[in-house]
Every structure is written in structure tokens, then in C-alpha cells.
Amino acid sequence: MKKRQLFFLLVFCISAMAAFMTNCYAAKLDKKATLSNIQGYIDGLPIPCYKIDNDYYIIAEDLAQYGFDVRFYGAKEKQKPMLKIDYFFNDEHNTCTEEELTPHTEASFDLYESDIVTTINNNEVDSYNIGGMTMIRMLSLDFCGITSYRIEEKKISFRPKKSWSFDLDTGEAGNDLKSISSFDITMSKNEMEELEMTGENKQYLRSCALRYEQNKLYFGFSFNLRTIPPADALIDVLDSILTRERAGDLPEQLQSADMANKRIQVYLNGEKINITDIIRGRGNGHIDYDIYFDTDIQNFHKIQSLRIVCQ
């Protein structure tokens, strides 16, 4: 228990010290954050709520005690300092018990301007500097779960989603698209624990995301109207190895995954894994594909790289 408390104290001290050094000359705002009689809950555990402009806020650094990954990154060239808050429900959380929790419960905080970019699961959210710490709206947690108000009971509760999704940037498609029938892409973690995509013909794939839903890990992508004609040959390849076609809410079974595993090789953290399904869906001006993987890995932080080679 003492080791766990020391861990959270160390996380807080590092974040607070870095944030304070960045914002020590920030302008003070003409309003305060005051401790509210509305009780917040994170997956059933109590957390103090503060009121600012008729909305309810929590201290971001306190979230490290509730299973969130809270990290501060200092300013770099052309990049502002950043406070990254991540939550993936099946991570190995360092969550405190209710008896171990030590969130801040000061009666009020002065508010300051801040140039720190605050993100939750890679979505930028509004925040206030409170002199070395950061306050965020409790509703901002909706990027990783569901927040519900029960004002008559004086409660605001957050429950995590039993899924996660990480969007990937493939860059602009450009104007010099050529006919393709293959791709070789790699998703790798950078120093900020974000996945970055590199590889051959990645610019043809749109709306890319690595997702975990219903106990399954899969990679989803689309071809839109602009990239469909040059990718006709690749689309033919994918259509020839489909295992399912989405028909309404229920996918229609087409064939086994044997052909898919002959045409597509997948390497998770450097180790070859098999495909269990390739599912196609169609929309207005786009074709969507989901490639499902045969793996027991569910935890986002255990994924360091994913390479997909379609030949």
C-alpha cells in the first residue's frame, strides 16, 4: 500500500512541478474554482468536484489514482507543453482503493491562463491552470466512457466504456495517385505512447483506426470516392478474401479466413498472428473494411507495433 501511495505521490509531484514551471508567469483570471456539494464518482470511487461558471470540474492529476495514465510532456520546437490523459478499460491500472485515495479537497483555487494542451485519449479538451495543476470538465471524460448527471442526488458519475479506439493519420491522399494492388503498413508507438503509421500506399487508406470492441482487436479502414478508382485492384484483392459482408446489423458469412491469411501477413509486436475475419461494409461514397486478429492482447499499452502486409 505504501509503495502504491508513493507512486501516485511521485506522479503528482512530477506533473505539478513541470506544470508550475511552465505556467508560473501565467495571468490570473477573475474567477475561482470552488469545491462543490455535488459528489463526483469515477467507476464508483468518489472524487471531489469543483464548480466553475455553473459547470463541474475535477483535478486532472488526481485521475492517476483512479486508473488513468496521466503524463506531462514539456514544450518542444513548434509544440506546446502537453498533459496527456489516457484511459483504456482493460489496462493494468494502478487504481487505489477508496481507503487509499488522497484527492485534493481544497475549498477553492485561483484560476490562471494556461498554454498547456490537455488531451483525453488524444482528444484536446478545455482546461484551467490552478497554479501547478490542471482542472478539466468532468464531462470531458466522455471521450473514454459515459458521464451521467444525477443532480437531484447530488452526483456526477463516470463509467468507462468496455472498448477503445485509436485513430491513425495516413496523411493527404495527394493528386498523384496510381493504380495499386497491395499495401505494407506499420503502426509503431512514439515517445508519447501514440501510434504512428508508416509504409507503402498508406495514403490510399482513409479513416484508419485500431480498435478493441466486444473482446476483439481489429484494424478498420476505408476507401473513399477519391481513392477508390486507383485502388480498384486492391479492392478486388480484399473482396476475394472476405469472410463476411455486413448485411444490416448481422454480418453474412462468406468463407473461412484461410485465403485471407495467405494474402495478408500480420505481425503484432514482431510476432506473426493470424486473421480471423475480414468484414466489408458499404456507405455513401466509401467502402469500409475491418480486419480482425487472432490474439489475446487487449491492453493498448502492450501494443508496441503492428505491421500488415497485403500482397
C-alpha atoms as a PDB file:
ATOM      1  CA  MET A   1       0.000   0.000   0.000  1.00  0.00           C
ATOM      2  CA  LYS A   2       2.815   2.404   0.893  1.00  0.00           C
ATOM      3  CA  LYS A   3       4.564   1.713  -2.421  1.00  0.00           C
ATOM      4  CA  ARG A   4       1.363   2.486  -4.320  1.00  0.00           C
ATOM      5  CA  GLN A   5       0.856   5.748  -2.425  1.00  0.00           C
ATOM      6  CA  LEU A   6       4.484   6.724  -3.100  1.00  0.00           C
ATOM      7  CA  PHE A   7       3.936   6.001  -6.806  1.00  0.00           C
ATOM      8  CA  PHE A   8       0.925   8.349  -7.010  1.00  0.00           C
ATOM      9  CA  LEU A   9       2.782  10.999  -4.982  1.00  0.00           C
ATOM     10  CA  LEU A  10       5.703  10.814  -7.432  1.00  0.00           C
ATOM     11  CA  VAL A  11       3.375  11.090 -10.478  1.00  0.00           C
ATOM     12  CA  PHE A  12       1.676  14.118  -8.969  1.00  0.00           C
ATOM     13  CA  CYS A  13       4.913  15.850  -7.953  1.00  0.00           C
ATOM     14  CA  ILE A  14       6.497  15.463 -11.388  1.00  0.00           C
ATOM     15  CA  SER A  15       3.356  16.705 -13.196  1.00  0.00           C
ATOM     16  CA  ALA A  16       2.786  19.552 -10.779  1.00  0.00           C
ATOM     17  CA  MET A  17       6.393  20.730 -10.837  1.00  0.00           C
ATOM     18  CA  ALA A  18       6.545  20.696 -14.645  1.00  0.00           C
ATOM     19  CA  ALA A  19       3.182  22.405 -14.997  1.00  0.00           C
ATOM     20  CA  PHE A  20       4.072  25.035 -12.417  1.00  0.00           C
ATOM     21  CA  MET A  21       7.379  25.859 -14.098  1.00  0.00           C
ATOM     22  CA  THR A  22       5.569  26.241 -17.420  1.00  0.00           C
ATOM     23  CA  ASN A  23       2.811  28.446 -16.028  1.00  0.00           C
ATOM     24  CA  CYS A  24       4.473  30.332 -13.188  1.00  0.00           C
ATOM     25  CA  TYR A  25       4.067  33.630 -15.058  1.00  0.00           C
ATOM     26  CA  ALA A  26       0.521  32.938 -16.274  1.00  0.00           C
ATOM     27  CA  ALA A  27      -2.063  35.700 -15.901  1.00  0.00           C
ATOM     28  CA  LYS A  28      -4.570  35.261 -13.084  1.00  0.00           C
ATOM     29  CA  LEU A  29      -8.235  35.097 -14.127  1.00  0.00           C
ATOM     30  CA  ASP A  30     -11.032  36.988 -12.408  1.00  0.00           C
ATOM     31  CA  LYS A  31     -12.821  33.868 -11.103  1.00  0.00           C
ATOM     32  CA  LYS A  32     -12.233  30.886  -8.855  1.00  0.00           C
ATOM     33  CA  ALA A  33     -12.919  27.173  -8.721  1.00  0.00           C
ATOM     34  CA  THR A  34     -14.925  26.370  -5.580  1.00  0.00           C
ATOM     35  CA  LEU A  35     -15.467  22.962  -4.018  1.00  0.00           C
ATOM     36  CA  SER A  36     -18.993  21.781  -4.897  1.00  0.00           C
ATOM     37  CA  ASN A  37     -21.536  19.866  -2.845  1.00  0.00           C
ATOM     38  CA  ILE A  38     -22.034  17.722  -5.953  1.00  0.00           C
ATOM     39  CA  GLN A  39     -20.083  14.478  -5.465  1.00  0.00           C
ATOM     40  CA  GLY A  40     -18.193  13.032  -8.415  1.00  0.00           C
ATOM     41  CA  TYR A  41     -17.588   9.313  -8.938  1.00  0.00           C
ATOM     42  CA  ILE A  42     -15.053   7.561 -11.168  1.00  0.00           C
ATOM     43  CA  ASP A  43     -16.216   3.993 -11.759  1.00  0.00           C
ATOM     44  CA  GLY A  44     -17.817   4.030  -8.307  1.00  0.00           C
ATOM     45  CA  LEU A  45     -14.947   5.730  -6.456  1.00  0.00           C
ATOM     46  CA  PRO A  46     -15.558   9.270  -5.080  1.00  0.00           C
ATOM     47  CA  ILE A  47     -13.670  12.259  -6.493  1.00  0.00           C
ATOM     48  CA  PRO A  48     -14.150  15.932  -5.461  1.00  0.00           C
ATOM     49  CA  CYS A  49     -15.898  18.227  -7.953  1.00  0.00           C
ATOM     50  CA  TYR A  50     -15.259  21.958  -8.323  1.00  0.00           C
ATOM     51  CA  LYS A  51     -17.658  24.481  -9.771  1.00  0.00           C
ATOM     52  CA  ILE A  52     -16.592  26.978 -12.435  1.00  0.00           C
ATOM     53  CA  ASP A  53     -19.186  29.013 -14.369  1.00  0.00           C
ATOM     54  CA  ASN A  54     -22.033  26.633 -13.475  1.00  0.00           C
ATOM     55  CA  ASP A  55     -20.107  23.607 -14.683  1.00  0.00           C
ATOM     56  CA  TYR A  56     -18.309  20.856 -12.770  1.00  0.00           C
ATOM     57  CA  TYR A  57     -14.556  20.244 -12.918  1.00  0.00           C
ATOM     58  CA  ILE A  58     -12.057  17.801 -11.468  1.00  0.00           C
ATOM     59  CA  ILE A  59      -8.299  17.983 -10.974  1.00  0.00           C
ATOM     60  CA  ALA A  60      -6.629  16.110 -13.826  1.00  0.00           C
ATOM     61  CA  GLU A  61      -3.629  14.967 -11.784  1.00  0.00           C
ATOM     62  CA  ASP A  62      -5.961  13.240  -9.301  1.00  0.00           C
ATOM     63  CA  LEU A  63      -7.066  10.868 -12.084  1.00  0.00           C
ATOM     64  CA  ALA A  64      -3.803   8.913 -11.734  1.00  0.00           C
ATOM     65  CA  GLN A  65      -5.301   7.424  -8.558  1.00  0.00           C
ATOM     66  CA  TYR A  66      -8.345   6.183 -10.500  1.00  0.00           C
ATOM     67  CA  GLY A  67      -6.619   4.103 -13.171  1.00  0.00           C
ATOM     68  CA  PHE A  68      -5.901   6.869 -15.694  1.00  0.00           C
ATOM     69  CA  ASP A  69      -2.496   7.333 -17.276  1.00  0.00           C
ATOM     70  CA  VAL A  70      -1.547  10.992 -16.629  1.00  0.00           C
ATOM     71  CA  ARG A  71       1.690  12.238 -18.206  1.00  0.00           C
ATOM     72  CA  PHE A  72       3.207  15.678 -18.733  1.00  0.00           C
ATOM     73  CA  TYR A  73       5.404  16.430 -21.755  1.00  0.00           C
ATOM     74  CA  GLY A  74       7.445  19.625 -21.833  1.00  0.00           C
ATOM     75  CA  ALA A  75       7.456  22.105 -24.698  1.00  0.00           C
ATOM     76  CA  LYS A  76       9.427  21.242 -27.821  1.00  0.00           C
ATOM     77  CA  GLU A  77      10.155  23.077 -31.042  1.00  0.00           C
ATOM     78  CA  LYS A  78       6.789  24.057 -32.595  1.00  0.00           C
ATOM     79  CA  GLN A  79       4.966  22.062 -29.905  1.00  0.00           C
ATOM     80  CA  LYS A  80       3.331  23.378 -26.758  1.00  0.00           C
ATOM     81  CA  PRO A  81       3.650  21.562 -23.431  1.00  0.00           C
ATOM     82  CA  MET A  82       1.094  18.782 -23.141  1.00  0.00           C
ATOM     83  CA  LEU A  83      -0.774  16.974 -20.391  1.00  0.00           C
ATOM     84  CA  LYS A  84      -1.871  13.604 -21.774  1.00  0.00           C
ATOM     85  CA  ILE A  85      -4.657  11.730 -20.016  1.00  0.00           C
ATOM     86  CA  ASP A  86      -5.420   8.234 -21.291  1.00  0.00           C
ATOM     87  CA  TYR A  87      -7.798   5.536 -20.153  1.00  0.00           C
ATOM     88  CA  PHE A  88      -8.199   2.094 -21.692  1.00  0.00           C
ATOM     89  CA  PHE A  89     -10.548  -0.027 -19.616  1.00  0.00           C
ATOM     90  CA  ASN A  90      -8.527  -3.255 -19.821  1.00  0.00           C
ATOM     91  CA  ASP A  91      -5.166  -1.721 -18.930  1.00  0.00           C
ATOM     92  CA  GLU A  92      -3.358  -2.912 -15.824  1.00  0.00           C
ATOM     93  CA  HIS A  93      -4.492   0.062 -13.785  1.00  0.00           C
ATOM     94  CA  ASN A  94      -2.762   1.378 -10.676  1.00  0.00           C
ATOM     95  CA  THR A  95      -6.151   2.112  -9.138  1.00  0.00           C
ATOM     96  CA  CYS A  96      -6.389   2.948  -5.443  1.00  0.00           C
ATOM     97  CA  THR A  97      -8.980   1.521  -3.122  1.00  0.00           C
ATOM     98  CA  GLU A  98     -11.379   4.056  -1.611  1.00  0.00           C
ATOM     99  CA  GLU A  99      -9.361   3.988   1.624  1.00  0.00           C
ATOM    100  CA  GLU A 100      -6.128   4.776  -0.258  1.00  0.00           C
ATOM    101  CA  LEU A 101      -7.499   7.728  -2.248  1.00  0.00           C
ATOM    102  CA  THR A 102      -5.955  11.116  -1.464  1.00  0.00           C
ATOM    103  CA  PRO A 103      -7.501  13.574  -3.985  1.00  0.00           C
ATOM    104  CA  HIS A 104      -7.259  17.315  -3.402  1.00  0.00           C
ATOM    105  CA  THR A 105     -10.112  18.791  -1.369  1.00  0.00           C
ATOM    106  CA  GLU A 106      -9.172  22.469  -1.014  1.00  0.00           C
ATOM    107  CA  ALA A 107     -12.143  24.828  -0.600  1.00  0.00           C
ATOM    108  CA  SER A 108     -11.177  26.891  -3.661  1.00  0.00           C
ATOM    109  CA  PHE A 109      -8.467  27.507  -6.253  1.00  0.00           C
ATOM    110  CA  ASP A 110      -7.422  30.618  -8.138  1.00  0.00           C
ATOM    111  CA  LEU A 111      -7.553  30.153 -11.908  1.00  0.00           C
ATOM    112  CA  TYR A 112      -4.806  31.132 -14.355  1.00  0.00           C
ATOM    113  CA  GLU A 113      -4.371  31.193 -18.097  1.00  0.00           C
ATOM    114  CA  SER A 114      -2.545  28.154 -19.437  1.00  0.00           C
ATOM    115  CA  ASP A 115      -0.679  27.298 -22.624  1.00  0.00           C
ATOM    116  CA  ILE A 116      -0.652  23.584 -21.781  1.00  0.00           C
ATOM    117  CA  VAL A 117      -2.532  21.431 -24.279  1.00  0.00           C
ATOM    118  CA  THR A 118      -4.633  18.886 -22.394  1.00  0.00           C
ATOM    119  CA  THR A 119      -5.859  15.738 -24.146  1.00  0.00           C
ATOM    120  CA  ILE A 120      -8.006  12.769 -23.144  1.00  0.00           C
ATOM    121  CA  ASN A 121      -7.444   9.689 -25.289  1.00  0.00           C
ATOM    122  CA  ASN A 122      -5.861  12.048 -27.856  1.00  0.00           C
ATOM    123  CA  ASN A 123      -8.843  14.440 -27.939  1.00  0.00           C
ATOM    124  CA  GLU A 124      -7.995  18.026 -26.942  1.00  0.00           C
ATOM    125  CA  VAL A 125     -10.147  19.359 -24.095  1.00  0.00           C
ATOM    126  CA  ASP A 126     -10.526  22.718 -22.344  1.00  0.00           C
ATOM    127  CA  SER A 127      -8.601  23.147 -19.109  1.00  0.00           C
ATOM    128  CA  TYR A 128      -7.637  25.652 -16.422  1.00  0.00           C
ATOM    129  CA  ASN A 129      -4.296  26.108 -14.710  1.00  0.00           C
ATOM    130  CA  ILE A 130      -4.671  26.239 -10.919  1.00  0.00           C
ATOM    131  CA  GLY A 131      -1.057  27.082 -10.082  1.00  0.00           C
ATOM    132  CA  GLY A 132       0.807  23.870 -10.854  1.00  0.00           C
ATOM    133  CA  MET A 133      -2.158  21.590 -11.521  1.00  0.00           C
ATOM    134  CA  THR A 134      -4.846  21.363 -14.188  1.00  0.00           C
ATOM    135  CA  MET A 135      -8.638  21.330 -13.985  1.00  0.00           C
ATOM    136  CA  ILE A 136     -10.821  19.729 -16.652  1.00  0.00           C
ATOM    137  CA  ARG A 137     -14.595  19.439 -17.085  1.00  0.00           C
ATOM    138  CA  MET A 138     -15.870  16.135 -15.770  1.00  0.00           C
ATOM    139  CA  LEU A 139     -17.899  15.815 -18.975  1.00  0.00           C
ATOM    140  CA  SER A 140     -14.580  15.689 -20.872  1.00  0.00           C
ATOM    141  CA  LEU A 141     -14.236  12.106 -19.636  1.00  0.00           C
ATOM    142  CA  ASP A 142     -16.906  11.150 -22.200  1.00  0.00           C
ATOM    143  CA  PHE A 143     -14.017  10.531 -24.614  1.00  0.00           C
ATOM    144  CA  CYS A 144     -13.321   7.294 -22.710  1.00  0.00           C
ATOM    145  CA  GLY A 145     -16.677   6.469 -21.154  1.00  0.00           C
ATOM    146  CA  ILE A 146     -20.048   7.861 -20.170  1.00  0.00           C
ATOM    147  CA  THR A 147     -20.655  10.666 -17.667  1.00  0.00           C
ATOM    148  CA  SER A 148     -24.130  11.000 -16.187  1.00  0.00           C
ATOM    149  CA  TYR A 149     -25.630  13.772 -14.031  1.00  0.00           C
ATOM    150  CA  ARG A 150     -27.988  12.999 -11.159  1.00  0.00           C
ATOM    151  CA  ILE A 151     -28.330  16.469  -9.737  1.00  0.00           C
ATOM    152  CA  GLU A 152     -31.303  15.538  -7.530  1.00  0.00           C
ATOM    153  CA  GLU A 153     -28.974  13.024  -5.829  1.00  0.00           C
ATOM    154  CA  LYS A 154     -26.060  15.491  -5.995  1.00  0.00           C
ATOM    155  CA  LYS A 155     -23.970  13.028  -8.039  1.00  0.00           C
ATOM    156  CA  ILE A 156     -21.949  13.062 -11.263  1.00  0.00           C
ATOM    157  CA  SER A 157     -20.760   9.601 -12.260  1.00  0.00           C
ATOM    158  CA  PHE A 158     -18.296   8.350 -14.863  1.00  0.00           C
ATOM    159  CA  ARG A 159     -18.323   4.786 -16.154  1.00  0.00           C
ATOM    160  CA  PRO A 160     -15.664   3.583 -18.615  1.00  0.00           C
ATOM    161  CA  LYS A 161     -16.538   2.126 -21.990  1.00  0.00           C
ATOM    162  CA  LYS A 162     -15.722  -1.548 -22.439  1.00  0.00           C
ATOM    163  CA  SER A 163     -13.911  -0.714 -25.663  1.00  0.00           C
ATOM    164  CA  TRP A 164     -11.194   1.554 -27.038  1.00  0.00           C
ATOM    165  CA  SER A 165     -10.225   3.091 -30.363  1.00  0.00           C
ATOM    166  CA  PHE A 166      -7.093   4.816 -31.640  1.00  0.00           C
ATOM    167  CA  ASP A 167      -7.365   6.864 -34.846  1.00  0.00           C
ATOM    168  CA  LEU A 168      -4.398   6.920 -37.208  1.00  0.00           C
ATOM    169  CA  ASP A 169      -3.248   9.658 -39.567  1.00  0.00           C
ATOM    170  CA  THR A 170      -2.361   8.429 -43.066  1.00  0.00           C
ATOM    171  CA  GLY A 171      -1.605  11.873 -44.483  1.00  0.00           C
ATOM    172  CA  GLU A 172      -3.133  13.539 -47.517  1.00  0.00           C
ATOM    173  CA  ALA A 173      -4.057  11.348 -50.460  1.00  0.00           C
ATOM    174  CA  GLY A 174      -2.475  13.829 -52.873  1.00  0.00           C
ATOM    175  CA  ASN A 175      -3.129  14.220 -56.592  1.00  0.00           C
ATOM    176  CA  ASP A 176      -0.623  11.713 -57.977  1.00  0.00           C
ATOM    177  CA  LEU A 177      -2.486   8.521 -57.078  1.00  0.00           C
ATOM    178  CA  LYS A 178      -1.550   5.496 -59.166  1.00  0.00           C
ATOM    179  CA  SER A 179      -3.129   2.093 -59.568  1.00  0.00           C
ATOM    180  CA  ILE A 180      -2.237  -0.200 -56.635  1.00  0.00           C
ATOM    181  CA  SER A 181      -2.973  -3.800 -55.647  1.00  0.00           C
ATOM    182  CA  SER A 182      -1.102  -4.038 -52.329  1.00  0.00           C
ATOM    183  CA  PHE A 183      -0.055  -2.179 -49.187  1.00  0.00           C
ATOM    184  CA  ASP A 184       2.559  -2.629 -46.458  1.00  0.00           C
ATOM    185  CA  ILE A 185       1.887  -0.512 -43.372  1.00  0.00           C
ATOM    186  CA  THR A 186       3.349  -0.408 -39.889  1.00  0.00           C
ATOM    187  CA  MET A 187       1.862   1.212 -36.784  1.00  0.00           C
ATOM    188  CA  SER A 188       4.509   1.958 -34.135  1.00  0.00           C
ATOM    189  CA  LYS A 189       4.465   3.702 -30.752  1.00  0.00           C
ATOM    190  CA  ASN A 190       6.305   7.017 -30.469  1.00  0.00           C
ATOM    191  CA  GLU A 191       7.797   8.573 -27.324  1.00  0.00           C
ATOM    192  CA  MET A 192       4.340   9.879 -26.345  1.00  0.00           C
ATOM    193  CA  GLU A 193       2.805   6.385 -26.491  1.00  0.00           C
ATOM    194  CA  GLU A 194       0.865   7.276 -29.652  1.00  0.00           C
ATOM    195  CA  LEU A 195       0.656   5.042 -32.701  1.00  0.00           C
ATOM    196  CA  GLU A 196       2.108   6.471 -35.903  1.00  0.00           C
ATOM    197  CA  MET A 197       1.635   4.872 -39.311  1.00  0.00           C
ATOM    198  CA  THR A 198       4.335   4.476 -41.939  1.00  0.00           C
ATOM    199  CA  GLY A 199       4.655   2.329 -45.007  1.00  0.00           C
ATOM    200  CA  GLU A 200       3.809   1.783 -48.650  1.00  0.00           C
ATOM    201  CA  ASN A 201       0.475   3.017 -50.046  1.00  0.00           C
ATOM    202  CA  LYS A 202      -0.840   4.122 -46.645  1.00  0.00           C
ATOM    203  CA  GLN A 203      -2.185   7.326 -48.248  1.00  0.00           C
ATOM    204  CA  TYR A 204      -4.864   5.312 -50.072  1.00  0.00           C
ATOM    205  CA  LEU A 205      -6.366   4.084 -46.783  1.00  0.00           C
ATOM    206  CA  ARG A 206      -8.709   6.550 -45.091  1.00  0.00           C
ATOM    207  CA  SER A 207     -10.418   6.673 -41.670  1.00  0.00           C
ATOM    208  CA  CYS A 208      -7.880   4.231 -40.241  1.00  0.00           C
ATOM    209  CA  ALA A 209      -8.224   3.107 -36.631  1.00  0.00           C
ATOM    210  CA  LEU A 210      -7.035   0.308 -34.363  1.00  0.00           C
ATOM    211  CA  ARG A 211      -9.950  -0.760 -32.162  1.00  0.00           C
ATOM    212  CA  TYR A 212     -10.892  -3.154 -29.403  1.00  0.00           C
ATOM    213  CA  GLU A 213     -14.604  -3.989 -29.115  1.00  0.00           C
ATOM    214  CA  GLN A 214     -16.585  -6.999 -27.922  1.00  0.00           C
ATOM    215  CA  ASN A 215     -13.382  -8.779 -26.846  1.00  0.00           C
ATOM    216  CA  LYS A 216     -11.838  -8.458 -30.320  1.00  0.00           C
ATOM    217  CA  LEU A 217      -8.882  -6.452 -31.668  1.00  0.00           C
ATOM    218  CA  TYR A 218      -9.209  -5.203 -35.244  1.00  0.00           C
ATOM    219  CA  PHE A 219      -7.958  -2.645 -37.766  1.00  0.00           C
ATOM    220  CA  GLY A 220     -10.525  -0.652 -39.706  1.00  0.00           C
ATOM    221  CA  PHE A 221     -10.043   1.476 -42.828  1.00  0.00           C
ATOM    222  CA  SER A 222     -11.957   2.870 -45.798  1.00  0.00           C
ATOM    223  CA  PHE A 223     -11.583   3.807 -49.438  1.00  0.00           C
ATOM    224  CA  ASN A 224     -13.425   6.987 -50.366  1.00  0.00           C
ATOM    225  CA  LEU A 225     -14.536   8.280 -53.765  1.00  0.00           C
ATOM    226  CA  ARG A 226     -11.183   9.952 -54.373  1.00  0.00           C
ATOM    227  CA  THR A 227      -9.083   6.854 -53.764  1.00  0.00           C
ATOM    228  CA  ILE A 228     -11.458   4.113 -54.950  1.00  0.00           C
ATOM    229  CA  PRO A 229     -10.589   4.214 -58.708  1.00  0.00           C
ATOM    230  CA  PRO A 230      -6.784   3.914 -58.244  1.00  0.00           C
ATOM    231  CA  ALA A 231      -7.338   1.219 -55.600  1.00  0.00           C
ATOM    232  CA  ASP A 232      -9.698  -0.891 -57.732  1.00  0.00           C
ATOM    233  CA  ALA A 233      -7.157  -3.728 -57.994  1.00  0.00           C
ATOM    234  CA  LEU A 234      -6.539  -3.684 -54.225  1.00  0.00           C
ATOM    235  CA  ILE A 235     -10.283  -3.660 -53.547  1.00  0.00           C
ATOM    236  CA  ASP A 236     -10.627  -6.707 -55.820  1.00  0.00           C
ATOM    237  CA  VAL A 237      -7.952  -8.482 -53.771  1.00  0.00           C
ATOM    238  CA  LEU A 238      -9.710  -7.675 -50.486  1.00  0.00           C
ATOM    239  CA  ASP A 239     -13.114  -8.657 -51.862  1.00  0.00           C
ATOM    240  CA  SER A 240     -11.728 -12.023 -52.986  1.00  0.00           C
ATOM    241  CA  ILE A 241     -10.728 -12.935 -49.424  1.00  0.00           C
ATOM    242  CA  LEU A 242     -13.697 -11.546 -47.484  1.00  0.00           C
ATOM    243  CA  THR A 243     -15.024 -13.722 -44.688  1.00  0.00           C
ATOM    244  CA  ARG A 244     -18.126 -11.616 -44.031  1.00  0.00           C
ATOM    245  CA  GLU A 245     -20.299  -8.986 -45.672  1.00  0.00           C
ATOM    246  CA  ARG A 246     -22.240  -6.651 -43.419  1.00  0.00           C
ATOM    247  CA  ALA A 247     -25.973  -7.088 -44.071  1.00  0.00           C
ATOM    248  CA  GLY A 248     -27.891  -4.833 -41.735  1.00  0.00           C
ATOM    249  CA  ASP A 249     -26.744  -5.476 -38.194  1.00  0.00           C
ATOM    250  CA  LEU A 250     -25.620  -9.076 -38.779  1.00  0.00           C
ATOM    251  CA  PRO A 251     -22.625  -9.947 -40.991  1.00  0.00           C
ATOM    252  CA  GLU A 252     -23.320 -12.637 -43.588  1.00  0.00           C
ATOM    253  CA  GLN A 253     -20.757 -15.472 -43.576  1.00  0.00           C
ATOM    254  CA  LEU A 254     -18.912 -15.851 -46.913  1.00  0.00           C
ATOM    255  CA  GLN A 255     -15.859 -18.093 -46.456  1.00  0.00           C
ATOM    256  CA  SER A 256     -13.157 -19.127 -43.979  1.00  0.00           C
ATOM    257  CA  ALA A 257     -10.122 -16.973 -43.200  1.00  0.00           C
ATOM    258  CA  ASP A 258      -7.652 -19.363 -44.893  1.00  0.00           C
ATOM    259  CA  MET A 259      -7.429 -17.302 -48.086  1.00  0.00           C
ATOM    260  CA  ALA A 260      -7.074 -14.081 -46.088  1.00  0.00           C
ATOM    261  CA  ASN A 261      -4.101 -15.482 -44.196  1.00  0.00           C
ATOM    262  CA  LYS A 262      -2.428 -16.462 -47.472  1.00  0.00           C
ATOM    263  CA  ARG A 263      -2.730 -12.959 -48.957  1.00  0.00           C
ATOM    264  CA  ILE A 264      -2.217 -10.874 -45.788  1.00  0.00           C
ATOM    265  CA  GLN A 265       0.530 -11.262 -43.183  1.00  0.00           C
ATOM    266  CA  VAL A 266       0.144  -9.588 -39.791  1.00  0.00           C
ATOM    267  CA  TYR A 267       2.895  -9.037 -37.205  1.00  0.00           C
ATOM    268  CA  LEU A 268       1.961  -7.857 -33.713  1.00  0.00           C
ATOM    269  CA  ASN A 269       4.986  -6.701 -31.685  1.00  0.00           C
ATOM    270  CA  GLY A 270       7.141  -8.520 -34.229  1.00  0.00           C
ATOM    271  CA  GLU A 271       5.343 -11.875 -33.925  1.00  0.00           C
ATOM    272  CA  LYS A 272       3.187 -13.283 -36.721  1.00  0.00           C
ATOM    273  CA  ILE A 273      -0.507 -13.662 -35.911  1.00  0.00           C
ATOM    274  CA  ASN A 274      -3.467 -14.866 -37.946  1.00  0.00           C
ATOM    275  CA  ILE A 275      -6.571 -13.113 -39.230  1.00  0.00           C
ATOM    276  CA  THR A 276      -9.950 -14.402 -38.053  1.00  0.00           C
ATOM    277  CA  ASP A 277     -12.233 -12.190 -40.169  1.00  0.00           C
ATOM    278  CA  ILE A 278     -12.251  -9.605 -42.931  1.00  0.00           C
ATOM    279  CA  ILE A 279     -15.594  -7.800 -42.994  1.00  0.00           C
ATOM    280  CA  ARG A 280     -16.739  -5.345 -45.675  1.00  0.00           C
ATOM    281  CA  GLY A 281     -19.341  -2.630 -45.371  1.00  0.00           C
ATOM    282  CA  ARG A 282     -20.562  -0.005 -47.813  1.00  0.00           C
ATOM    283  CA  GLY A 283     -21.659   3.581 -47.269  1.00  0.00           C
ATOM    284  CA  ASN A 284     -22.412   6.693 -49.273  1.00  0.00           C
ATOM    285  CA  GLY A 285     -19.244   7.185 -51.309  1.00  0.00           C
ATOM    286  CA  HIS A 286     -16.986   4.829 -49.358  1.00  0.00           C
ATOM    287  CA  ILE A 287     -16.153   1.159 -48.834  1.00  0.00           C
ATOM    288  CA  ASP A 288     -15.143   0.016 -45.344  1.00  0.00           C
ATOM    289  CA  TYR A 289     -13.040  -2.971 -44.269  1.00  0.00           C
ATOM    290  CA  ASP A 290     -12.345  -4.385 -40.802  1.00  0.00           C
ATOM    291  CA  ILE A 291      -9.514  -6.896 -40.331  1.00  0.00           C
ATOM    292  CA  TYR A 292      -9.878  -8.928 -37.109  1.00  0.00           C
ATOM    293  CA  PHE A 293      -6.872 -10.536 -35.420  1.00  0.00           C
ATOM    294  CA  ASP A 294      -6.377 -13.797 -33.539  1.00  0.00           C
ATOM    295  CA  THR A 295      -4.686 -12.515 -30.382  1.00  0.00           C
ATOM    296  CA  ASP A 296      -5.220 -12.466 -26.629  1.00  0.00           C
ATOM    297  CA  ILE A 297      -3.704  -8.978 -26.346  1.00  0.00           C
ATOM    298  CA  GLN A 298      -6.348  -6.471 -25.289  1.00  0.00           C
ATOM    299  CA  ASN A 299      -4.302  -3.852 -23.462  1.00  0.00           C
ATOM    300  CA  PHE A 300      -3.426  -0.849 -25.665  1.00  0.00           C
ATOM    301  CA  HIS A 301      -0.181  -0.224 -23.768  1.00  0.00           C
ATOM    302  CA  LYS A 302       1.007  -3.759 -24.583  1.00  0.00           C
ATOM    303  CA  ILE A 303       0.830  -2.984 -28.305  1.00  0.00           C
ATOM    304  CA  GLN A 304       4.142  -1.555 -29.474  1.00  0.00           C
ATOM    305  CA  SER A 305       3.869  -2.231 -33.201  1.00  0.00           C
ATOM    306  CA  LEU A 306       1.509  -3.728 -35.761  1.00  0.00           C
ATOM    307  CA  ARG A 307       2.528  -4.467 -39.341  1.00  0.00           C
ATOM    308  CA  ILE A 308       0.030  -5.503 -42.030  1.00  0.00           C
ATOM    309  CA  VAL A 309       1.294  -6.683 -45.428  1.00  0.00           C
ATOM    310  CA  CYS A 310      -1.299  -7.229 -48.147  1.00  0.00           C
ATOM    311  CA  GLN A 311       0.193  -8.693 -51.337  1.00  0.00           C
END
